[in-house]
PDB file of all heavy atoms in Angstrom:
ATOM      1  N   LEU A   1       0.731  -1.147  -0.071  1.00  0.00           N
ATOM      2  CA  LEU A   1      -0.005  -0.082   0.029  1.00  0.00           C
ATOM      3  C   LEU A   1       0.880   1.300  -0.046  1.00  0.00           C
ATOM      4  O   LEU A   1       0.290   2.461  -0.151  1.00  0.00           O
ATOM      5  CB  LEU A   1      -0.907   0.051   1.177  1.00  0.00           C
ATOM      6  CG  LEU A   1      -1.930  -1.117   1.321  1.00  0.00           C
ATOM      7  CD1 LEU A   1      -2.500  -1.131   2.639  1.00  0.00           C
ATOM      8  CD2 LEU A   1      -2.860  -1.308   0.237  1.00  0.00           C
ATOM      9  N   SER A   2       2.127   1.012   0.132  1.00  0.00           N
ATOM     10  CA  SER A   2       3.077   2.213   0.060  1.00  0.00           C
ATOM     11  C   SER A   2       4.328   1.925  -0.813  1.00  0.00           C
ATOM     12  O   SER A   2       4.552   0.800  -1.144  1.00  0.00           O
ATOM     13  CB  SER A   2       3.612   2.673   1.448  1.00  0.00           C
ATOM     14  OG  SER A   2       4.432   1.605   1.928  1.00  0.00           O
ATOM     15  N   ARG A   3       5.078   2.856  -1.138  1.00  0.00           N
ATOM     16  CA  ARG A   3       6.306   2.734  -2.057  1.00  0.00           C
ATOM     17  C   ARG A   3       7.216   1.781  -1.413  1.00  0.00           C
ATOM     18  O   ARG A   3       7.845   0.870  -1.958  1.00  0.00           O
ATOM     19  CB  ARG A   3       6.860   4.059  -2.295  1.00  0.00           C
ATOM     20  CG  ARG A   3       8.224   3.989  -3.283  1.00  0.00           C
ATOM     21  CD  ARG A   3       8.607   5.279  -3.620  1.00  0.00           C
ATOM     22  NE  ARG A   3       7.657   6.175  -4.257  1.00  0.00           N
ATOM     23  CZ  ARG A   3       7.894   7.387  -4.758  1.00  0.00           C
ATOM     24  NH1 ARG A   3       8.888   8.000  -4.531  1.00  0.00           N
ATOM     25  NH2 ARG A   3       6.894   8.003  -5.338  1.00  0.00           N
ATOM     26  N   ARG A   4       7.598   2.018  -0.122  1.00  0.00           N
ATOM     27  CA  ARG A   4       8.480   1.307   0.535  1.00  0.00           C
ATOM     28  C   ARG A   4       8.146  -0.311   0.614  1.00  0.00           C
ATOM     29  O   ARG A   4       8.911  -1.249   0.645  1.00  0.00           O
ATOM     30  CB  ARG A   4       8.997   1.792   1.892  1.00  0.00           C
ATOM     31  CG  ARG A   4       7.846   1.927   2.973  1.00  0.00           C
ATOM     32  CD  ARG A   4       8.375   2.417   4.225  1.00  0.00           C
ATOM     33  NE  ARG A   4       7.392   2.672   5.126  1.00  0.00           N
ATOM     34  CZ  ARG A   4       7.698   2.879   6.452  1.00  0.00           C
ATOM     35  NH1 ARG A   4       8.936   3.005   6.856  1.00  0.00           N
ATOM     36  NH2 ARG A   4       6.746   3.247   7.340  1.00  0.00           N
ATOM     37  N   ALA A   5       6.690  -0.402   0.919  1.00  0.00           N
ATOM     38  CA  ALA A   5       6.273  -1.821   1.016  1.00  0.00           C
ATOM     39  C   ALA A   5       6.369  -2.440  -0.369  1.00  0.00           C
ATOM     40  O   ALA A   5       6.632  -3.697  -0.439  1.00  0.00           O
ATOM     41  CB  ALA A   5       4.764  -1.741   1.430  1.00  0.00           C
ATOM     42  N   ARG A   6       6.211  -1.686  -1.534  1.00  0.00           N
ATOM     43  CA  ARG A   6       6.418  -2.317  -2.803  1.00  0.00           C
ATOM     44  C   ARG A   6       7.860  -2.867  -2.898  1.00  0.00           C
ATOM     45  O   ARG A   6       8.006  -3.829  -3.600  1.00  0.00           O
ATOM     46  CB  ARG A   6       6.000  -1.352  -3.881  1.00  0.00           C
ATOM     47  CG  ARG A   6       4.557  -1.285  -4.109  1.00  0.00           C
ATOM     48  CD  ARG A   6       4.094  -0.493  -5.303  1.00  0.00           C
ATOM     49  NE  ARG A   6       4.426   1.022  -5.075  1.00  0.00           N
ATOM     50  CZ  ARG A   6       3.441   1.870  -4.563  1.00  0.00           C
ATOM     51  NH1 ARG A   6       2.318   1.419  -4.112  1.00  0.00           N
ATOM     52  NH2 ARG A   6       3.770   3.081  -4.369  1.00  0.00           N
ATOM     53  N   LEU A   7       8.706  -2.021  -2.357  1.00  0.00           N
ATOM     54  CA  LEU A   7      10.236  -2.310  -2.530  1.00  0.00           C
ATOM     55  C   LEU A   7      10.417  -3.662  -1.654  1.00  0.00           C
ATOM     56  O   LEU A   7      11.125  -4.613  -2.199  1.00  0.00           O
ATOM     57  CB  LEU A   7      11.067  -1.214  -2.055  1.00  0.00           C
ATOM     58  CG  LEU A   7      12.557  -1.560  -2.045  1.00  0.00           C
ATOM     59  CD1 LEU A   7      12.899  -1.748  -3.479  1.00  0.00           C
ATOM     60  CD2 LEU A   7      13.226  -0.345  -1.492  1.00  0.00           C
ATOM     61  N   VAL A   8       9.875  -3.761  -0.529  1.00  0.00           N
ATOM     62  CA  VAL A   8      10.060  -4.898   0.278  1.00  0.00           C
ATOM     63  C   VAL A   8       9.430  -6.146  -0.314  1.00  0.00           C
ATOM     64  O   VAL A   8      10.129  -7.184  -0.415  1.00  0.00           O
ATOM     65  CB  VAL A   8       9.469  -4.715   1.718  1.00  0.00           C
ATOM     66  CG1 VAL A   8       9.427  -6.067   2.469  1.00  0.00           C
ATOM     67  CG2 VAL A   8      10.291  -3.514   2.551  1.00  0.00           C
ATOM     68  N   CYS A   9       8.298  -6.057  -0.884  1.00  0.00           N
ATOM     69  CA  CYS A   9       7.619  -7.056  -1.497  1.00  0.00           C
ATOM     70  C   CYS A   9       8.407  -7.620  -2.733  1.00  0.00           C
ATOM     71  O   CYS A   9       8.433  -8.809  -3.020  1.00  0.00           O
ATOM     72  CB  CYS A   9       6.304  -6.745  -2.016  1.00  0.00           C
ATOM     73  SG  CYS A   9       4.985  -6.392  -0.681  1.00  0.00           S
ATOM     74  N   ALA A  10       8.972  -6.682  -3.524  1.00  0.00           N
ATOM     75  CA  ALA A  10       9.732  -7.173  -4.660  1.00  0.00           C
ATOM     76  C   ALA A  10      11.008  -7.739  -4.391  1.00  0.00           C
ATOM     77  O   ALA A  10      11.396  -8.799  -4.996  1.00  0.00           O
ATOM     78  CB  ALA A  10      10.062  -5.822  -5.518  1.00  0.00           C
ATOM     79  N   LEU A  11      11.597  -7.337  -3.123  1.00  0.00           N
ATOM     80  CA  LEU A  11      12.926  -7.937  -2.945  1.00  0.00           C
ATOM     81  C   LEU A  11      12.824  -9.259  -1.923  1.00  0.00           C
ATOM     82  O   LEU A  11      13.706 -10.129  -2.091  1.00  0.00           O
ATOM     83  CB  LEU A  11      13.803  -6.823  -2.273  1.00  0.00           C
ATOM     84  CG  LEU A  11      14.150  -5.666  -3.211  1.00  0.00           C
ATOM     85  CD1 LEU A  11      14.917  -4.703  -2.365  1.00  0.00           C
ATOM     86  CD2 LEU A  11      14.970  -6.088  -4.359  1.00  0.00           C
ATOM     87  N   ALA A  12      11.883  -9.134  -1.083  1.00  0.00           N
ATOM     88  CA  ALA A  12      12.026 -10.321   0.054  1.00  0.00           C
ATOM     89  C   ALA A  12      10.854 -11.175   0.214  1.00  0.00           C
ATOM     90  O   ALA A  12      11.084 -12.432   0.334  1.00  0.00           O
ATOM     91  CB  ALA A  12      12.142  -9.382   1.355  1.00  0.00           C
ATOM     92  N   LEU A  13       9.649 -10.661   0.197  1.00  0.00           N
ATOM     93  CA  LEU A  13       8.519 -11.523   0.482  1.00  0.00           C
ATOM     94  C   LEU A  13       8.283 -12.867  -0.338  1.00  0.00           C
ATOM     95  O   LEU A  13       7.903 -13.829   0.337  1.00  0.00           O
ATOM     96  CB  LEU A  13       7.131 -10.777   0.656  1.00  0.00           C
ATOM     97  CG  LEU A  13       7.088  -9.814   1.831  1.00  0.00           C
ATOM     98  CD1 LEU A  13       5.720  -9.064   1.812  1.00  0.00           C
ATOM     99  CD2 LEU A  13       7.100 -10.665   3.151  1.00  0.00           C
ATOM    100  N   PRO A  14       8.579 -12.803  -1.559  1.00  0.00           N
ATOM    101  CA  PRO A  14       8.242 -13.973  -2.329  1.00  0.00           C
ATOM    102  C   PRO A  14       9.159 -15.203  -1.778  1.00  0.00           C
ATOM    103  O   PRO A  14       8.845 -16.316  -2.063  1.00  0.00           O
ATOM    104  CB  PRO A  14       8.506 -13.565  -3.841  1.00  0.00           C
ATOM    105  CG  PRO A  14       8.524 -12.199  -3.836  1.00  0.00           C
ATOM    106  CD  PRO A  14       8.948 -11.660  -2.424  1.00  0.00           C
ATOM    107  N   ARG A  15      10.284 -14.820  -1.269  1.00  0.00           N
ATOM    108  CA  ARG A  15      11.210 -15.896  -0.977  1.00  0.00           C
ATOM    109  C   ARG A  15      11.328 -16.145   0.568  1.00  0.00           C
ATOM    110  O   ARG A  15      11.726 -17.325   0.996  1.00  0.00           O
ATOM    111  CB  ARG A  15      12.564 -15.489  -1.586  1.00  0.00           C
ATOM    112  CG  ARG A  15      12.559 -15.320  -3.025  1.00  0.00           C
ATOM    113  CD  ARG A  15      13.964 -14.804  -3.458  1.00  0.00           C
ATOM    114  NE  ARG A  15      13.904 -14.567  -4.920  1.00  0.00           N
ATOM    115  CZ  ARG A  15      13.455 -13.269  -5.439  1.00  0.00           C
ATOM    116  NH1 ARG A  15      13.006 -12.319  -4.716  1.00  0.00           N
ATOM    117  NH2 ARG A  15      13.487 -13.067  -6.722  1.00  0.00           N
ATOM    118  N   LEU A  16      11.071 -15.098   1.349  1.00  0.00           N
ATOM    119  CA  LEU A  16      11.422 -15.184   2.830  1.00  0.00           C
ATOM    120  C   LEU A  16      10.585 -16.242   3.562  1.00  0.00           C
ATOM    121  O   LEU A  16      11.230 -17.176   4.134  1.00  0.00           O
ATOM    122  CB  LEU A  16      11.071 -13.931   3.352  1.00  0.00           C
ATOM    123  CG  LEU A  16      11.484 -13.761   4.929  1.00  0.00           C
ATOM    124  CD1 LEU A  16      12.899 -14.204   5.214  1.00  0.00           C
ATOM    125  CD2 LEU A  16      11.216 -12.268   5.432  1.00  0.00           C
ATOM    126  N   ARG A  17       9.313 -16.301   3.514  1.00  0.00           N
ATOM    127  CA  ARG A  17       8.493 -17.188   4.258  1.00  0.00           C
ATOM    128  C   ARG A  17       8.728 -18.715   3.775  1.00  0.00           C
ATOM    129  O   ARG A  17       8.956 -19.613   4.591  1.00  0.00           O
ATOM    130  CB  ARG A  17       6.991 -16.896   4.239  1.00  0.00           C
ATOM    131  CG  ARG A  17       6.187 -17.662   5.151  1.00  0.00           C
ATOM    132  CD  ARG A  17       4.696 -17.272   5.112  1.00  0.00           C
ATOM    133  NE  ARG A  17       4.638 -16.023   5.871  1.00  0.00           N
ATOM    134  CZ  ARG A  17       3.708 -15.076   5.638  1.00  0.00           C
ATOM    135  NH1 ARG A  17       2.702 -15.504   4.860  1.00  0.00           N
ATOM    136  NH2 ARG A  17       3.573 -13.957   6.238  1.00  0.00           N
ATOM    137  N   PRO A  18       8.711 -18.967   2.478  1.00  0.00           N
ATOM    138  CA  PRO A  18       8.913 -20.287   2.121  1.00  0.00           C
ATOM    139  C   PRO A  18      10.274 -20.869   2.576  1.00  0.00           C
ATOM    140  O   PRO A  18      10.543 -21.959   2.778  1.00  0.00           O
ATOM    141  CB  PRO A  18       8.737 -20.353   0.451  1.00  0.00           C
ATOM    142  CG  PRO A  18       7.811 -19.166   0.247  1.00  0.00           C
ATOM    143  CD  PRO A  18       8.206 -18.141   1.322  1.00  0.00           C
ATOM    144  N   THR A  19      11.243 -19.873   2.389  1.00  0.00           N
ATOM    145  CA  THR A  19      12.732 -20.285   2.857  1.00  0.00           C
ATOM    146  C   THR A  19      12.776 -20.545   4.387  1.00  0.00           C
ATOM    147  O   THR A  19      13.301 -21.545   4.708  1.00  0.00           O
ATOM    148  CB  THR A  19      13.728 -19.107   2.540  1.00  0.00           C
ATOM    149  OG1 THR A  19      13.623 -18.847   1.098  1.00  0.00           O
ATOM    150  CG2 THR A  19      15.028 -19.563   2.917  1.00  0.00           C
ATOM    151  N   LEU A  20      12.124 -19.752   5.157  1.00  0.00           N
ATOM    152  CA  LEU A  20      12.069 -20.027   6.508  1.00  0.00           C
ATOM    153  C   LEU A  20      11.337 -21.415   6.906  1.00  0.00           C
ATOM    154  O   LEU A  20      11.838 -22.049   7.705  1.00  0.00           O
ATOM    155  CB  LEU A  20      11.339 -18.845   7.270  1.00  0.00           C
ATOM    156  CG  LEU A  20      12.141 -17.530   7.308  1.00  0.00           C
ATOM    157  CD1 LEU A  20      11.354 -16.421   7.975  1.00  0.00           C
ATOM    158  CD2 LEU A  20      13.439 -17.734   8.024  1.00  0.00           C
ATOM    159  N   LYS A  21      10.330 -21.667   6.161  1.00  0.00           N
ATOM    160  CA  LYS A  21       9.542 -22.942   6.470  1.00  0.00           C
ATOM    161  C   LYS A  21      10.392 -24.179   5.955  1.00  0.00           C
ATOM    162  O   LYS A  21      10.440 -25.083   6.725  1.00  0.00           O
ATOM    163  CB  LYS A  21       8.248 -22.992   5.687  1.00  0.00           C
ATOM    164  CG  LYS A  21       7.168 -21.968   6.294  1.00  0.00           C
ATOM    165  CD  LYS A  21       5.821 -22.316   5.617  1.00  0.00           C
ATOM    166  CE  LYS A  21       4.760 -21.500   6.407  1.00  0.00           C
ATOM    167  NZ  LYS A  21       3.321 -21.660   5.865  1.00  0.00           N
ATOM    168  N   THR A  22      11.217 -23.921   5.011  1.00  0.00           N
ATOM    169  CA  THR A  22      11.940 -25.009   4.557  1.00  0.00           C
ATOM    170  C   THR A  22      13.144 -25.250   5.586  1.00  0.00           C
ATOM    171  O   THR A  22      13.409 -26.405   5.937  1.00  0.00           O
ATOM    172  CB  THR A  22      12.615 -24.698   3.259  1.00  0.00           C
ATOM    173  OG1 THR A  22      11.583 -24.577   2.163  1.00  0.00           O
ATOM    174  CG2 THR A  22      13.513 -25.929   2.621  1.00  0.00           C
ATOM    175  N   MET A  23      13.707 -24.168   6.105  1.00  0.00           N
ATOM    176  CA  MET A  23      14.756 -24.325   7.047  1.00  0.00           C
ATOM    177  C   MET A  23      14.245 -24.907   8.346  1.00  0.00           C
ATOM    178  O   MET A  23      14.972 -25.737   8.805  1.00  0.00           O
ATOM    179  CB  MET A  23      15.316 -22.922   7.386  1.00  0.00           C
ATOM    180  CG  MET A  23      16.021 -22.278   6.236  1.00  0.00           C
ATOM    181  SD  MET A  23      16.550 -20.479   6.603  1.00  0.00           S
ATOM    182  CE  MET A  23      17.488 -20.727   8.114  1.00  0.00           C
ATOM    183  N   ALA A  24      12.916 -24.681   8.753  1.00  0.00           N
ATOM    184  CA  ALA A  24      12.363 -25.203   9.822  1.00  0.00           C
ATOM    185  C   ALA A  24      12.235 -26.738   9.776  1.00  0.00           C
ATOM    186  O   ALA A  24      12.355 -27.478  10.852  1.00  0.00           O
ATOM    187  CB  ALA A  24      11.058 -24.462  10.177  1.00  0.00           C
ATOM    188  N   LYS A  25      11.777 -27.131   8.649  1.00  0.00           N
ATOM    189  CA  LYS A  25      11.649 -28.559   8.379  1.00  0.00           C
ATOM    190  C   LYS A  25      12.833 -29.401   8.450  1.00  0.00           C
ATOM    191  O   LYS A  25      12.949 -30.570   8.728  1.00  0.00           O
ATOM    192  CB  LYS A  25      10.909 -28.772   7.047  1.00  0.00           C
ATOM    193  CG  LYS A  25       9.541 -28.352   7.108  1.00  0.00           C
ATOM    194  CD  LYS A  25       8.764 -28.610   5.786  1.00  0.00           C
ATOM    195  CE  LYS A  25       7.416 -28.058   5.660  1.00  0.00           C
ATOM    196  NZ  LYS A  25       6.740 -28.289   4.480  1.00  0.00           N
ATOM    197  N   ARG A  26      14.004 -28.714   8.184  1.00  0.00           N
ATOM    198  CA  ARG A  26      15.274 -29.441   8.098  1.00  0.00           C
ATOM    199  C   ARG A  26      16.172 -29.272   9.443  1.00  0.00           C
ATOM    200  O   ARG A  26      17.260 -29.826   9.584  1.00  0.00           O
ATOM    201  CB  ARG A  26      16.155 -28.750   6.938  1.00  0.00           C
ATOM    202  CG  ARG A  26      15.527 -29.072   5.575  1.00  0.00           C
ATOM    203  CD  ARG A  26      16.268 -28.345   4.488  1.00  0.00           C
ATOM    204  NE  ARG A  26      15.859 -28.749   3.166  1.00  0.00           N
ATOM    205  CZ  ARG A  26      16.267 -28.123   2.067  1.00  0.00           C
ATOM    206  NH1 ARG A  26      17.299 -27.222   2.140  1.00  0.00           N
ATOM    207  NH2 ARG A  26      15.693 -28.426   0.917  1.00  0.00           N
ATOM    208  N   LEU A  27      15.519 -28.677  10.463  1.00  0.00           N
ATOM    209  CA  LEU A  27      16.295 -28.572  11.800  1.00  0.00           C
ATOM    210  C   LEU A  27      16.321 -30.003  12.434  1.00  0.00           C
ATOM    211  O   LEU A  27      15.325 -30.763  12.317  1.00  0.00           O
ATOM    212  CB  LEU A  27      15.389 -27.657  12.781  1.00  0.00           C
ATOM    213  CG  LEU A  27      15.532 -26.143  12.326  1.00  0.00           C
ATOM    214  CD1 LEU A  27      14.588 -25.374  13.388  1.00  0.00           C
ATOM    215  CD2 LEU A  27      17.043 -25.643  12.565  1.00  0.00           C
ATOM    216  N   PRO A  28      17.292 -30.309  13.051  1.00  0.00           N
ATOM    217  CA  PRO A  28      17.600 -31.590  13.783  1.00  0.00           C
ATOM    218  C   PRO A  28      16.472 -31.776  14.698  1.00  0.00           C
ATOM    219  O   PRO A  28      16.127 -30.862  15.377  1.00  0.00           O
ATOM    220  CB  PRO A  28      18.950 -31.505  14.239  1.00  0.00           C
ATOM    221  CG  PRO A  28      19.726 -30.551  13.462  1.00  0.00           C
ATOM    222  CD  PRO A  28      18.688 -29.443  13.151  1.00  0.00           C
ATOM    223  N   ALA A  29      15.894 -32.991  14.956  1.00  0.00           N
ATOM    224  CA  ALA A  29      14.831 -33.319  15.824  1.00  0.00           C
ATOM    225  C   ALA A  29      15.302 -32.953  17.184  1.00  0.00           C
ATOM    226  O   ALA A  29      14.357 -32.434  17.966  1.00  0.00           O
ATOM    227  CB  ALA A  29      14.343 -34.650  15.634  1.00  0.00           C
ATOM    228  N   ALA A  30      16.479 -33.161  17.577  1.00  0.00           N
ATOM    229  CA  ALA A  30      16.954 -32.872  18.905  1.00  0.00           C
ATOM    230  C   ALA A  30      16.829 -31.353  19.206  1.00  0.00           C
ATOM    231  O   ALA A  30      16.458 -30.943  20.403  1.00  0.00           O
ATOM    232  CB  ALA A  30      18.285 -33.285  19.181  1.00  0.00           C
ATOM    233  N   TRP A  31      17.178 -30.617  18.394  1.00  0.00           N
ATOM    234  CA  TRP A  31      17.060 -29.060  18.342  1.00  0.00           C
ATOM    235  C   TRP A  31      15.644 -28.691  18.648  1.00  0.00           C
ATOM    236  O   TRP A  31      15.286 -27.765  19.516  1.00  0.00           O
ATOM    237  CB  TRP A  31      17.553 -28.385  17.201  1.00  0.00           C
ATOM    238  CG  TRP A  31      19.068 -28.532  16.978  1.00  0.00           C
ATOM    239  CD1 TRP A  31      19.939 -29.424  17.700  1.00  0.00           C
ATOM    240  CD2 TRP A  31      19.916 -27.759  16.159  1.00  0.00           C
ATOM    241  NE1 TRP A  31      21.125 -29.209  17.200  1.00  0.00           N
ATOM    242  CE2 TRP A  31      21.260 -28.278  16.368  1.00  0.00           C
ATOM    243  CE3 TRP A  31      19.607 -26.736  15.147  1.00  0.00           C
ATOM    244  CZ2 TRP A  31      22.326 -27.734  15.485  1.00  0.00           C
ATOM    245  CZ3 TRP A  31      20.794 -26.272  14.418  1.00  0.00           C
ATOM    246  CH2 TRP A  31      21.947 -26.784  14.505  1.00  0.00           C
ATOM    247  N   VAL A  32      14.697 -29.366  17.880  1.00  0.00           N
ATOM    248  CA  VAL A  32      13.245 -28.835  18.045  1.00  0.00           C
ATOM    249  C   VAL A  32      12.755 -29.306  19.290  1.00  0.00           C
ATOM    250  O   VAL A  32      12.106 -28.441  20.030  1.00  0.00           O
ATOM    251  CB  VAL A  32      12.442 -29.624  16.904  1.00  0.00           C
ATOM    252  CG1 VAL A  32      11.015 -29.376  17.101  1.00  0.00           C
ATOM    253  CG2 VAL A  32      12.915 -29.027  15.488  1.00  0.00           C
ATOM    254  N   ARG A  33      13.023 -30.400  19.748  1.00  0.00           N
ATOM    255  CA  ARG A  33      12.546 -30.974  21.189  1.00  0.00           C
ATOM    256  C   ARG A  33      13.244 -29.936  22.297  1.00  0.00           C
ATOM    257  O   ARG A  33      12.409 -29.566  23.254  1.00  0.00           O
ATOM    258  CB  ARG A  33      13.017 -32.400  21.364  1.00  0.00           C
ATOM    259  CG  ARG A  33      12.225 -33.269  20.488  1.00  0.00           C
ATOM    260  CD  ARG A  33      12.448 -34.720  21.122  1.00  0.00           C
ATOM    261  NE  ARG A  33      13.726 -35.191  20.785  1.00  0.00           N
ATOM    262  CZ  ARG A  33      14.048 -35.921  19.563  1.00  0.00           C
ATOM    263  NH1 ARG A  33      13.044 -36.073  18.689  1.00  0.00           N
ATOM    264  NH2 ARG A  33      15.265 -36.269  19.347  1.00  0.00           N
ATOM    265  N   ARG A  34      14.414 -29.468  22.109  1.00  0.00           N
ATOM    266  CA  ARG A  34      15.024 -28.651  23.118  1.00  0.00           C
ATOM    267  C   ARG A  34      14.231 -27.275  23.030  1.00  0.00           C
ATOM    268  O   ARG A  34      13.929 -26.792  24.141  1.00  0.00           O
ATOM    269  CB  ARG A  34      16.554 -28.501  22.779  1.00  0.00           C
ATOM    270  CG  ARG A  34      17.231 -27.740  24.016  1.00  0.00           C
ATOM    271  CD  ARG A  34      18.767 -27.741  23.550  1.00  0.00           C
ATOM    272  NE  ARG A  34      19.296 -29.058  23.596  1.00  0.00           N
ATOM    273  CZ  ARG A  34      19.904 -29.499  22.489  1.00  0.00           C
ATOM    274  NH1 ARG A  34      19.966 -28.766  21.454  1.00  0.00           N
ATOM    275  NH2 ARG A  34      20.402 -30.650  22.411  1.00  0.00           N
ATOM    276  N   TRP A  35      13.952 -26.798  21.914  1.00  0.00           N
ATOM    277  CA  TRP A  35      13.260 -25.501  21.796  1.00  0.00           C
ATOM    278  C   TRP A  35      11.872 -25.584  22.446  1.00  0.00           C
ATOM    279  O   TRP A  35      11.496 -24.738  23.067  1.00  0.00           O
ATOM    280  CB  TRP A  35      13.173 -25.176  20.330  1.00  0.00           C
ATOM    281  CG  TRP A  35      12.420 -23.752  20.051  1.00  0.00           C
ATOM    282  CD1 TRP A  35      12.953 -22.543  20.275  1.00  0.00           C
ATOM    283  CD2 TRP A  35      11.076 -23.661  19.718  1.00  0.00           C
ATOM    284  NE1 TRP A  35      12.019 -21.701  19.927  1.00  0.00           N
ATOM    285  CE2 TRP A  35      10.828 -22.263  19.683  1.00  0.00           C
ATOM    286  CE3 TRP A  35      10.152 -24.492  19.487  1.00  0.00           C
ATOM    287  CZ2 TRP A  35       9.554 -21.770  19.281  1.00  0.00           C
ATOM    288  CZ3 TRP A  35       8.795 -24.124  19.062  1.00  0.00           C
ATOM    289  CH2 TRP A  35       8.537 -22.770  19.063  1.00  0.00           C
ATOM    290  N   LEU A  36      11.112 -26.731  22.250  1.00  0.00           N
ATOM    291  CA  LEU A  36       9.851 -26.954  22.750  1.00  0.00           C
ATOM    292  C   LEU A  36       9.846 -26.952  24.325  1.00  0.00           C
ATOM    293  O   LEU A  36       9.044 -26.365  24.911  1.00  0.00           O
ATOM    294  CB  LEU A  36       9.242 -28.214  22.235  1.00  0.00           C
ATOM    295  CG  LEU A  36       8.758 -28.271  20.687  1.00  0.00           C
ATOM    296  CD1 LEU A  36       8.528 -29.577  20.180  1.00  0.00           C
ATOM    297  CD2 LEU A  36       7.703 -27.231  20.420  1.00  0.00           C
ATOM    298  N   LYS A  37      10.819 -27.468  24.799  1.00  0.00           N
ATOM    299  CA  LYS A  37      10.992 -27.629  26.282  1.00  0.00           C
ATOM    300  C   LYS A  37      11.201 -26.221  26.792  1.00  0.00           C
ATOM    301  O   LYS A  37      10.551 -25.784  27.866  1.00  0.00           O
ATOM    302  CB  LYS A  37      12.134 -28.463  26.807  1.00  0.00           C
ATOM    303  CG  LYS A  37      11.897 -29.924  26.582  1.00  0.00           C
ATOM    304  CD  LYS A  37      13.158 -30.682  26.961  1.00  0.00           C
ATOM    305  CE  LYS A  37      12.902 -32.216  26.719  1.00  0.00           C
ATOM    306  NZ  LYS A  37      14.262 -32.901  27.103  1.00  0.00           N
ATOM    307  N   VAL A  38      12.000 -25.403  26.137  1.00  0.00           N
ATOM    308  CA  VAL A  38      12.205 -24.081  26.660  1.00  0.00           C
ATOM    309  C   VAL A  38      10.981 -23.251  26.541  1.00  0.00           C
ATOM    310  O   VAL A  38      10.523 -22.520  27.398  1.00  0.00           O
ATOM    311  CB  VAL A  38      13.329 -23.348  25.800  1.00  0.00           C
ATOM    312  CG1 VAL A  38      13.400 -21.910  26.147  1.00  0.00           C
ATOM    313  CG2 VAL A  38      14.648 -23.965  26.047  1.00  0.00           C
TER     314      VAL A  38
END
């Protein structure tokens, strides 16, 4: 809805969330269990 948001969308949003989800799926199970305990 603004010029700076258009810039952010063009550079980051199409890749950022899918990339983060892919990274989360690849985390070692032991790390995930430790994070859940915390």
